[in-house]
Amino acid sequence: MSEPNNSNVHNCSGPISRRNFLEFGAVAGSGAGLADLLRARDAAASGNHSPQDTAVIFVWLAGGPPHMETYDMKPDAPSDYRGVFSPIETNVPGMDVCELLPMHTQVADRYNIIRSIRHDFADHGGGHKRFMTGRDPLTPTGFVNDKPCVGSMASLALKGHRDTRGLPNYIVLGSSRVNSIDTFSFGSAYLGAHTHPFRISADPSRDDFAVQNVGVDKSMSDRLEDRVALLNGFDGMRRELDNVAMRQSMDVFNQRAVDMLTSPDVRSAFDITQEAPEVRERFGRHGWGQRAILARRLVERGVPWVTVVMENPYQSGVLMPKYGVYNWDSHAVNCHLFKDAEIRFPIYDRTVTAMIEDLYDRGLDRKVLLVVTGEFGRTPRITVRPGTQTKVNQPGRDHWPAAMSVLVSGGGMRTGQIIGSTNSLGEEPVQRAMTPNDLWATVFRHLGVDYTSTFPDYSGRPMHILPYGEPIAELT
């Protein structure tokens, strides 16, 4: 695979406006319609495989976390590369992490760090599409997929093979930004909108948390006449449906959707108040932590793929300072890299290590594979520029797809490993260079999905789930 052309590593144009990223809470139509999801299960051709009872929790760190401030620190590099933080030892000899991640040190024997995944797309749009689809996108910018997201492919491949107790088999949890399927390149392209994930944007840390169009049925489930009103309320969630598909067996699918909405099992899955207070505190009483708990509750109930978007830590009462940025896009114009990290990293540290401990303590570590990553790493060399909000010079790092770090845990794999390495400046892999496809091949293998199988594209041509890639041998 060719090396990235570093001259094409472009900076963002700066932070987006406050209006674009303020949290608006739950929005009507927060996910693909339930009838759409049910149609996906019946419309897809059944495979001959019998996947085992496994699941994936995929944590998406949108914006691109800095690998040299998290899991691939270079304390011996020049000062304009290494930054200001120091590495600290973990409970695994030879495995160090950033000093701002002290909880990671206690559970390092339960996770692996991959330091050598890379690709060629330095723009957020191109990076999202490349990572999420396992293919080079047709255009290096923009977030609309021309190939299906891996989550949609897994969901369709697993259709009919899991008892999800009435729940969708592909769910995304995040802020209001997940309501648009294209924000994070979660689109399903030629697989159709009915394979999009069911998206939940309400903040589960709030006392009034309720899943849109699921919580409402508590007052309606015993009254048959209200089912008609409930069906009418689905109209806002049908905008992504193909008109022809919508006309086919609509009554059947709508009735099944109502059955789902009135199911006590579905309501119970989202009732986070059933969790012990000490568990909720361990994860963190904020959007990231409580969504992480929901993800575990969902996979416990048979949902095979749950994505948790953790981009903005400044929510649920955590105020954003002028030197902070809403996602992981740590350009100097966006944020003060180190000051932002001093707030962001402890929140991340608590939530991710709670997820790891929780999976192992509940005996879910063989069933559930946890994957934590962004779309790329950050430039090894620090830049200094005036901040858009602070108006003073501050340090940052730009986009860098040539090297990145990925955390994986559970999945019945060997843990406590560092897999691959980068050179002394963190610029590129020097051992075990891999692509996102190798990670996805590992994920599909865990789910029991044959990643060499095909789906038809728009013209009916068979398209492989992954055009290339092999499961990572160390993760067995």
Foldseek 3Di string as FASTA:
>chain_A
DDFADVVPQDFDPFADDPVVDDFPAWDQLQFAFQLLLVVLLVVFDADPFQWDLFAEEEEAQAQAAACCQFFFAQVPDPPLQRDDWDWDAAPFPPGTTTPLQVLCRDCQQFKEKEWFAFDHANESQQLLQCLQQQDRAPDSDFQAHQAAGLLLVLQSNCRPNWCQVLDRLEEEEETSQVSDVRSRNNHHNQSFPSSGHTYAHHQLLDPPDDGHLQVVCVVPLVPPVCLVVSLVSSVVNCPRHDPVVCVPPVVVSSVSSVVSSSDPVNRVLSPLVVDDPVLQVQQPSTRLSSVLVSVVSSSVSRRRYYYYYDAAPCGPPNHDDLQEARGNNWAQQHHQNVVNCSPPSNNVSSNVSSSSVVCVVVVNLQRYKYKYTYSAHWDSGWDWDQYNRNRDTHITTGGARQIGMMMMGGNPWRGSYHHFHCDSSSRHTPHDNHYSQQVSQQVCVSRRHDQQFFDAGPVGDTDGSHPDYHHDPRGD
